[in-house]
Amino acid sequence: MWRGPSMQSAPSWLTTLPRLQEVLLYGNKLTGSVPPLVGRALRILSLGSNLLSGTVPSSFLSSSSLEYLYVRPHLRTRSSY
């Protein structure tokens, strides 16, 4: 879990960790879109209480490894249109 000061975007090194299993970045005032983390061993992704925009990529929703996804309250999934 990232315990540093609030940041504006997800750290770029997150996309370089193929065995990454948990990303807990809730409450950091992140802006922009969801970082491309799918295709990895990611099991838990928590991005809630940020300022992210757009939709959750459909690859997250079809990932066989992802067990928990928290993006509320700002993001939508394609199925929420």
PDB file of N, CA and C in Angstrom:
ATOM      1  N   MET A   1       0.842  -1.168   0.000  1.00  0.00           N
ATOM      2  CA  MET A   1       0.000   0.000   0.000  1.00  0.00           C
ATOM      3  C   MET A   1       0.887   1.230   0.000  1.00  0.00           C
ATOM      4  N   TRP A   2       0.521   2.200  -0.833  1.00  0.00           N
ATOM      5  CA  TRP A   2       1.247   3.472  -0.892  1.00  0.00           C
ATOM      6  C   TRP A   2       0.866   4.295   0.324  1.00  0.00           C
ATOM      7  N   ARG A   3       1.821   4.674   1.119  1.00  0.00           N
ATOM      8  CA  ARG A   3       1.544   5.443   2.328  1.00  0.00           C
ATOM      9  C   ARG A   3       2.236   6.799   2.282  1.00  0.00           C
ATOM     10  N   GLY A   4       2.664   7.213   1.114  1.00  0.00           N
ATOM     11  CA  GLY A   4       3.333   8.499   0.964  1.00  0.00           C
ATOM     12  C   GLY A   4       2.327   9.636   0.935  1.00  0.00           C
ATOM     13  N   PRO A   5       2.812  10.832   0.624  1.00  0.00           N
ATOM     14  CA  PRO A   5       1.896  11.971   0.541  1.00  0.00           C
ATOM     15  C   PRO A   5       0.931  11.804  -0.633  1.00  0.00           C
ATOM     16  N   SER A   6      -0.171  12.544  -0.594  1.00  0.00           N
ATOM     17  CA  SER A   6      -1.120  12.487  -1.706  1.00  0.00           C
ATOM     18  C   SER A   6      -0.421  12.818  -3.011  1.00  0.00           C
ATOM     19  N   MET A   7      -0.848  12.171  -4.091  1.00  0.00           N
ATOM     20  CA  MET A   7      -0.231  12.379  -5.387  1.00  0.00           C
ATOM     21  C   MET A   7      -1.307  12.672  -6.407  1.00  0.00           C
ATOM     22  N   GLN A   8      -0.905  13.167  -7.578  1.00  0.00           N
ATOM     23  CA  GLN A   8      -1.900  13.508  -8.590  1.00  0.00           C
ATOM     24  C   GLN A   8      -2.121  12.403  -9.602  1.00  0.00           C
ATOM     25  N   SER A   9      -1.181  11.499  -9.775  1.00  0.00           N
ATOM     26  CA  SER A   9      -1.375  10.370 -10.679  1.00  0.00           C
ATOM     27  C   SER A   9      -0.724   9.136 -10.075  1.00  0.00           C
ATOM     28  N   ALA A  10      -1.163   7.973 -10.539  1.00  0.00           N
ATOM     29  CA  ALA A  10      -0.588   6.734 -10.035  1.00  0.00           C
ATOM     30  C   ALA A  10       0.887   6.673 -10.420  1.00  0.00           C
ATOM     31  N   PRO A  11       1.734   6.165  -9.545  1.00  0.00           N
ATOM     32  CA  PRO A  11       3.158   6.067  -9.871  1.00  0.00           C
ATOM     33  C   PRO A  11       3.375   5.241 -11.144  1.00  0.00           C
ATOM     34  N   SER A  12       4.204   5.733 -12.043  1.00  0.00           N
ATOM     35  CA  SER A  12       4.421   5.051 -13.325  1.00  0.00           C
ATOM     36  C   SER A  12       5.036   3.671 -13.147  1.00  0.00           C
ATOM     37  N   TRP A  13       5.765   3.451 -12.079  1.00  0.00           N
ATOM     38  CA  TRP A  13       6.407   2.146 -11.877  1.00  0.00           C
ATOM     39  C   TRP A  13       5.391   1.041 -11.597  1.00  0.00           C
ATOM     40  N   LEU A  14       4.147   1.392 -11.298  1.00  0.00           N
ATOM     41  CA  LEU A  14       3.135   0.359 -11.071  1.00  0.00           C
ATOM     42  C   LEU A  14       2.916  -0.515 -12.303  1.00  0.00           C
ATOM     43  N   THR A  15       3.070   0.049 -13.479  1.00  0.00           N
ATOM     44  CA  THR A  15       2.828  -0.715 -14.711  1.00  0.00           C
ATOM     45  C   THR A  15       4.000  -1.627 -15.065  1.00  0.00           C
ATOM     46  N   THR A  16       5.082  -1.569 -14.312  1.00  0.00           N
ATOM     47  CA  THR A  16       6.266  -2.384 -14.602  1.00  0.00           C
ATOM     48  C   THR A  16       6.410  -3.573 -13.666  1.00  0.00           C
ATOM     49  N   LEU A  17       5.418  -3.842 -12.854  1.00  0.00           N
ATOM     50  CA  LEU A  17       5.487  -4.915 -11.860  1.00  0.00           C
ATOM     51  C   LEU A  17       4.537  -6.045 -12.231  1.00  0.00           C
ATOM     52  N   PRO A  18       5.005  -7.045 -12.999  1.00  0.00           N
ATOM     53  CA  PRO A  18       4.103  -8.089 -13.502  1.00  0.00           C
ATOM     54  C   PRO A  18       3.498  -8.974 -12.416  1.00  0.00           C
ATOM     55  N   ARG A  19       4.093  -9.032 -11.240  1.00  0.00           N
ATOM     56  CA  ARG A  19       3.560  -9.876 -10.163  1.00  0.00           C
ATOM     57  C   ARG A  19       2.750  -9.087  -9.132  1.00  0.00           C
ATOM     58  N   LEU A  20       2.493  -7.836  -9.426  1.00  0.00           N
ATOM     59  CA  LEU A  20       1.737  -6.982  -8.519  1.00  0.00           C
ATOM     60  C   LEU A  20       0.360  -7.573  -8.275  1.00  0.00           C
ATOM     61  N   GLN A  21      -0.023  -7.735  -7.009  1.00  0.00           N
ATOM     62  CA  GLN A  21      -1.304  -8.348  -6.677  1.00  0.00           C
ATOM     63  C   GLN A  21      -2.297  -7.390  -6.044  1.00  0.00           C
ATOM     64  N   GLU A  22      -1.832  -6.383  -5.321  1.00  0.00           N
ATOM     65  CA  GLU A  22      -2.740  -5.471  -4.644  1.00  0.00           C
ATOM     66  C   GLU A  22      -2.327  -4.023  -4.882  1.00  0.00           C
ATOM     67  N   VAL A  23      -3.275  -3.201  -5.297  1.00  0.00           N
ATOM     68  CA  VAL A  23      -3.043  -1.768  -5.470  1.00  0.00           C
ATOM     69  C   VAL A  23      -4.137  -1.048  -4.693  1.00  0.00           C
ATOM     70  N   LEU A  24      -3.735  -0.359  -3.643  1.00  0.00           N
ATOM     71  CA  LEU A  24      -4.668   0.368  -2.787  1.00  0.00           C
ATOM     72  C   LEU A  24      -4.285   1.838  -2.838  1.00  0.00           C
ATOM     73  N   LEU A  25      -4.918   2.576  -3.730  1.00  0.00           N
ATOM     74  CA  LEU A  25      -4.607   3.992  -3.933  1.00  0.00           C
ATOM     75  C   LEU A  25      -5.818   4.879  -3.650  1.00  0.00           C
ATOM     76  N   TYR A  26      -6.702   4.447  -2.775  1.00  0.00           N
ATOM     77  CA  TYR A  26      -7.891   5.218  -2.472  1.00  0.00           C
ATOM     78  C   TYR A  26      -7.524   6.487  -1.693  1.00  0.00           C
ATOM     79  N   GLY A  27      -8.290   7.546  -1.917  1.00  0.00           N
ATOM     80  CA  GLY A  27      -8.138   8.773  -1.153  1.00  0.00           C
ATOM     81  C   GLY A  27      -6.876   9.569  -1.420  1.00  0.00           C
ATOM     82  N   ASN A  28      -6.336   9.524  -2.624  1.00  0.00           N
ATOM     83  CA  ASN A  28      -5.098  10.237  -2.932  1.00  0.00           C
ATOM     84  C   ASN A  28      -5.283  11.416  -3.874  1.00  0.00           C
ATOM     85  N   LYS A  29      -6.509  11.756  -4.223  1.00  0.00           N
ATOM     86  CA  LYS A  29      -6.804  12.853  -5.148  1.00  0.00           C
ATOM     87  C   LYS A  29      -6.174  12.629  -6.526  1.00  0.00           C
ATOM     88  N   LEU A  30      -6.127  11.364  -6.958  1.00  0.00           N
ATOM     89  CA  LEU A  30      -5.589  11.037  -8.277  1.00  0.00           C
ATOM     90  C   LEU A  30      -6.494  11.623  -9.350  1.00  0.00           C
ATOM     91  N   THR A  31      -5.890  12.119 -10.420  1.00  0.00           N
ATOM     92  CA  THR A  31      -6.648  12.642 -11.555  1.00  0.00           C
ATOM     93  C   THR A  31      -6.298  11.843 -12.802  1.00  0.00           C
ATOM     94  N   GLY A  32      -7.066  12.038 -13.862  1.00  0.00           N
ATOM     95  CA  GLY A  32      -6.805  11.339 -15.112  1.00  0.00           C
ATOM     96  C   GLY A  32      -7.616  10.062 -15.200  1.00  0.00           C
ATOM     97  N   SER A  33      -7.096   9.099 -15.948  1.00  0.00           N
ATOM     98  CA  SER A  33      -7.806   7.838 -16.151  1.00  0.00           C
ATOM     99  C   SER A  33      -7.144   6.718 -15.348  1.00  0.00           C
ATOM    100  N   VAL A  34      -7.788   5.570 -15.337  1.00  0.00           N
ATOM    101  CA  VAL A  34      -7.281   4.410 -14.600  1.00  0.00           C
ATOM    102  C   VAL A  34      -5.989   3.924 -15.255  1.00  0.00           C
ATOM    103  N   PRO A  35      -4.933   3.700 -14.476  1.00  0.00           N
ATOM    104  CA  PRO A  35      -3.676   3.220 -15.048  1.00  0.00           C
ATOM    105  C   PRO A  35      -3.826   1.806 -15.622  1.00  0.00           C
ATOM    106  N   PRO A  36      -3.063   1.479 -16.668  1.00  0.00           N
ATOM    107  CA  PRO A  36      -3.173   0.159 -17.321  1.00  0.00           C
ATOM    108  C   PRO A  36      -2.478  -0.935 -16.518  1.00  0.00           C
ATOM    109  N   LEU A  37      -3.193  -1.557 -15.606  1.00  0.00           N
ATOM    110  CA  LEU A  37      -2.598  -2.559 -14.725  1.00  0.00           C
ATOM    111  C   LEU A  37      -3.069  -3.972 -15.009  1.00  0.00           C
ATOM    112  N   VAL A  38      -4.005  -4.154 -15.908  1.00  0.00           N
ATOM    113  CA  VAL A  38      -4.552  -5.479 -16.175  1.00  0.00           C
ATOM    114  C   VAL A  38      -3.596  -6.300 -17.030  1.00  0.00           C
ATOM    115  N   GLY A  39      -3.758  -7.605 -16.975  1.00  0.00           N
ATOM    116  CA  GLY A  39      -2.872  -8.500 -17.702  1.00  0.00           C
ATOM    117  C   GLY A  39      -1.758  -8.963 -16.786  1.00  0.00           C
ATOM    118  N   ARG A  40      -1.948  -8.747 -15.535  1.00  0.00           N
ATOM    119  CA  ARG A  40      -0.977  -9.093 -14.526  1.00  0.00           C
ATOM    120  C   ARG A  40      -1.648  -9.983 -13.485  1.00  0.00           C
ATOM    121  N   ALA A  41      -1.017 -10.189 -12.375  1.00  0.00           N
ATOM    122  CA  ALA A  41      -1.566 -11.026 -11.313  1.00  0.00           C
ATOM    123  C   ALA A  41      -2.433 -10.219 -10.357  1.00  0.00           C
ATOM    124  N   LEU A  42      -2.900  -9.065 -10.788  1.00  0.00           N
ATOM    125  CA  LEU A  42      -3.642  -8.153  -9.930  1.00  0.00           C
ATOM    126  C   LEU A  42      -4.919  -8.801  -9.389  1.00  0.00           C
ATOM    127  N   ARG A  43      -5.042  -8.833  -8.065  1.00  0.00           N
ATOM    128  CA  ARG A  43      -6.221  -9.401  -7.404  1.00  0.00           C
ATOM    129  C   ARG A  43      -7.102  -8.322  -6.798  1.00  0.00           C
ATOM    130  N   ILE A  44      -6.480  -7.253  -6.287  1.00  0.00           N
ATOM    131  CA  ILE A  44      -7.222  -6.202  -5.593  1.00  0.00           C
ATOM    132  C   ILE A  44      -6.827  -4.845  -6.155  1.00  0.00           C
ATOM    133  N   LEU A  45      -7.814  -4.060  -6.557  1.00  0.00           N
ATOM    134  CA  LEU A  45      -7.583  -2.709  -7.050  1.00  0.00           C
ATOM    135  C   LEU A  45      -8.574  -1.773  -6.382  1.00  0.00           C
ATOM    136  N   SER A  46      -8.063  -0.842  -5.588  1.00  0.00           N
ATOM    137  CA  SER A  46      -8.913   0.103  -4.885  1.00  0.00           C
ATOM    138  C   SER A  46      -8.489   1.515  -5.263  1.00  0.00           C
ATOM    139  N   LEU A  47      -9.346   2.192  -6.028  1.00  0.00           N
ATOM    140  CA  LEU A  47      -9.065   3.547  -6.506  1.00  0.00           C
ATOM    141  C   LEU A  47     -10.139   4.538  -6.080  1.00  0.00           C
ATOM    142  N   GLY A  48     -10.989   4.158  -5.159  1.00  0.00           N
ATOM    143  CA  GLY A  48     -12.084   5.017  -4.733  1.00  0.00           C
ATOM    144  C   GLY A  48     -11.614   6.291  -4.057  1.00  0.00           C
ATOM    145  N   SER A  49     -12.519   7.236  -3.950  1.00  0.00           N
ATOM    146  CA  SER A  49     -12.271   8.529  -3.303  1.00  0.00           C
ATOM    147  C   SER A  49     -11.098   9.270  -3.931  1.00  0.00           C
ATOM    148  N   ASN A  50     -11.026   9.240  -5.248  1.00  0.00           N
ATOM    149  CA  ASN A  50     -10.054   9.999  -6.020  1.00  0.00           C
ATOM    150  C   ASN A  50     -10.822  10.901  -6.983  1.00  0.00           C
ATOM    151  N   LEU A  51     -10.121  11.560  -7.867  1.00  0.00           N
ATOM    152  CA  LEU A  51     -10.750  12.446  -8.847  1.00  0.00           C
ATOM    153  C   LEU A  51     -10.563  11.903 -10.261  1.00  0.00           C
ATOM    154  N   LEU A  52     -10.502  10.584 -10.389  1.00  0.00           N
ATOM    155  CA  LEU A  52     -10.321   9.949 -11.685  1.00  0.00           C
ATOM    156  C   LEU A  52     -11.553  10.175 -12.549  1.00  0.00           C
ATOM    157  N   SER A  53     -11.343  10.144 -13.862  1.00  0.00           N
ATOM    158  CA  SER A  53     -12.455  10.359 -14.782  1.00  0.00           C
ATOM    159  C   SER A  53     -12.493   9.249 -15.823  1.00  0.00           C
ATOM    160  N   GLY A  54     -13.582   9.209 -16.561  1.00  0.00           N
ATOM    161  CA  GLY A  54     -13.706   8.201 -17.610  1.00  0.00           C
ATOM    162  C   GLY A  54     -14.410   6.959 -17.108  1.00  0.00           C
ATOM    163  N   THR A  55     -14.126   5.851 -17.753  1.00  0.00           N
ATOM    164  CA  THR A  55     -14.751   4.581 -17.399  1.00  0.00           C
ATOM    165  C   THR A  55     -13.685   3.579 -16.993  1.00  0.00           C
ATOM    166  N   VAL A  56     -14.131   2.539 -16.326  1.00  0.00           N
ATOM    167  CA  VAL A  56     -13.245   1.430 -15.981  1.00  0.00           C
ATOM    168  C   VAL A  56     -13.025   0.632 -17.259  1.00  0.00           C
ATOM    169  N   PRO A  57     -11.768   0.385 -17.641  1.00  0.00           N
ATOM    170  CA  PRO A  57     -11.527  -0.400 -18.858  1.00  0.00           C
ATOM    171  C   PRO A  57     -12.206  -1.773 -18.772  1.00  0.00           C
ATOM    172  N   SER A  58     -12.780  -2.223 -19.882  1.00  0.00           N
ATOM    173  CA  SER A  58     -13.480  -3.512 -19.894  1.00  0.00           C
ATOM    174  C   SER A  58     -12.539  -4.663 -19.560  1.00  0.00           C
ATOM    175  N   SER A  59     -11.236  -4.497 -19.779  1.00  0.00           N
ATOM    176  CA  SER A  59     -10.280  -5.555 -19.450  1.00  0.00           C
ATOM    177  C   SER A  59     -10.248  -5.831 -17.947  1.00  0.00           C
ATOM    178  N   PHE A  60     -10.537  -4.831 -17.121  1.00  0.00           N
ATOM    179  CA  PHE A  60     -10.613  -5.060 -15.687  1.00  0.00           C
ATOM    180  C   PHE A  60     -11.782  -5.980 -15.375  1.00  0.00           C
ATOM    181  N   LEU A  61     -12.891  -5.748 -16.021  1.00  0.00           N
ATOM    182  CA  LEU A  61     -14.101  -6.499 -15.739  1.00  0.00           C
ATOM    183  C   LEU A  61     -14.035  -7.938 -16.222  1.00  0.00           C
ATOM    184  N   SER A  62     -13.175  -8.205 -17.190  1.00  0.00           N
ATOM    185  CA  SER A  62     -13.054  -9.574 -17.707  1.00  0.00           C
ATOM    186  C   SER A  62     -11.815 -10.293 -17.177  1.00  0.00           C
ATOM    187  N   SER A  63     -11.066  -9.661 -16.299  1.00  0.00           N
ATOM    188  CA  SER A  63      -9.849 -10.264 -15.756  1.00  0.00           C
ATOM    189  C   SER A  63     -10.194 -11.454 -14.863  1.00  0.00           C
ATOM    190  N   SER A  64      -9.516 -12.569 -15.068  1.00  0.00           N
ATOM    191  CA  SER A  64      -9.785 -13.754 -14.251  1.00  0.00           C
ATOM    192  C   SER A  64      -9.103 -13.676 -12.887  1.00  0.00           C
ATOM    193  N   SER A  65      -8.109 -12.832 -12.737  1.00  0.00           N
ATOM    194  CA  SER A  65      -7.402 -12.744 -11.459  1.00  0.00           C
ATOM    195  C   SER A  65      -7.993 -11.696 -10.524  1.00  0.00           C
ATOM    196  N   LEU A  66      -8.691 -10.695 -11.060  1.00  0.00           N
ATOM    197  CA  LEU A  66      -9.204  -9.603 -10.251  1.00  0.00           C
ATOM    198  C   LEU A  66     -10.373 -10.070  -9.381  1.00  0.00           C
ATOM    199  N   GLU A  67     -10.208  -9.955  -8.056  1.00  0.00           N
ATOM    200  CA  GLU A  67     -11.229 -10.387  -7.102  1.00  0.00           C
ATOM    201  C   GLU A  67     -11.995  -9.214  -6.500  1.00  0.00           C
ATOM    202  N   TYR A  68     -11.347  -8.048  -6.406  1.00  0.00           N
ATOM    203  CA  TYR A  68     -11.956  -6.892  -5.747  1.00  0.00           C
ATOM    204  C   TYR A  68     -11.609  -5.639  -6.533  1.00  0.00           C
ATOM    205  N   LEU A  69     -12.627  -4.876  -6.910  1.00  0.00           N
ATOM    206  CA  LEU A  69     -12.438  -3.632  -7.648  1.00  0.00           C
ATOM    207  C   LEU A  69     -13.289  -2.562  -6.988  1.00  0.00           C
ATOM    208  N   TYR A  70     -12.636  -1.516  -6.483  1.00  0.00           N
ATOM    209  CA  TYR A  70     -13.359  -0.412  -5.850  1.00  0.00           C
ATOM    210  C   TYR A  70     -12.961   0.881  -6.542  1.00  0.00           C
ATOM    211  N   VAL A  71     -13.925   1.513  -7.208  1.00  0.00           N
ATOM    212  CA  VAL A  71     -13.641   2.742  -7.952  1.00  0.00           C
ATOM    213  C   VAL A  71     -14.615   3.859  -7.608  1.00  0.00           C
ATOM    214  N   ARG A  72     -15.530   3.660  -6.733  1.00  0.00           N
ATOM    215  CA  ARG A  72     -16.530   4.665  -6.401  1.00  0.00           C
ATOM    216  C   ARG A  72     -15.885   5.889  -5.808  1.00  0.00           C
ATOM    217  N   PRO A  73     -16.458   7.046  -5.915  1.00  0.00           N
ATOM    218  CA  PRO A  73     -17.744   7.303  -6.524  1.00  0.00           C
ATOM    219  C   PRO A  73     -17.662   7.885  -7.921  1.00  0.00           C
ATOM    220  N   HIS A  74     -16.483   8.079  -8.491  1.00  0.00           N
ATOM    221  CA  HIS A  74     -16.368   8.881  -9.707  1.00  0.00           C
ATOM    222  C   HIS A  74     -16.353   8.106 -11.023  1.00  0.00           C
ATOM    223  N   LEU A  75     -15.952   6.870 -11.034  1.00  0.00           N
ATOM    224  CA  LEU A  75     -15.829   6.140 -12.291  1.00  0.00           C
ATOM    225  C   LEU A  75     -17.057   5.304 -12.587  1.00  0.00           C
ATOM    226  N   ARG A  76     -17.227   4.999 -13.865  1.00  0.00           N
ATOM    227  CA  ARG A  76     -18.328   4.146 -14.300  1.00  0.00           C
ATOM    228  C   ARG A  76     -17.754   2.958 -15.042  1.00  0.00           C
ATOM    229  N   THR A  77     -18.479   1.868 -15.025  1.00  0.00           N
ATOM    230  CA  THR A  77     -18.145   0.741 -15.884  1.00  0.00           C
ATOM    231  C   THR A  77     -18.957   0.910 -17.152  1.00  0.00           C
ATOM    232  N   ARG A  78     -18.568   0.235 -18.193  1.00  0.00           N
ATOM    233  CA  ARG A  78     -19.322   0.329 -19.448  1.00  0.00           C
ATOM    234  C   ARG A  78     -20.773  -0.090 -19.261  1.00  0.00           C
ATOM    235  N   SER A  79     -21.030  -0.987 -18.323  1.00  0.00           N
ATOM    236  CA  SER A  79     -22.398  -1.456 -18.124  1.00  0.00           C
ATOM    237  C   SER A  79     -23.275  -0.427 -17.429  1.00  0.00           C
ATOM    238  N   SER A  80     -22.697   0.678 -16.919  1.00  0.00           N
ATOM    239  CA  SER A  80     -23.525   1.663 -16.236  1.00  0.00           C
ATOM    240  C   SER A  80     -24.038   2.755 -17.164  1.00  0.00           C
ATOM    241  N   TYR A  81     -23.831   2.630 -18.471  1.00  0.00           N
ATOM    242  CA  TYR A  81     -24.363   3.618 -19.415  1.00  0.00           C
ATOM    243  C   TYR A  81     -25.838   3.473 -19.547  1.00  0.00           C
TER     244      TYR A  81
END
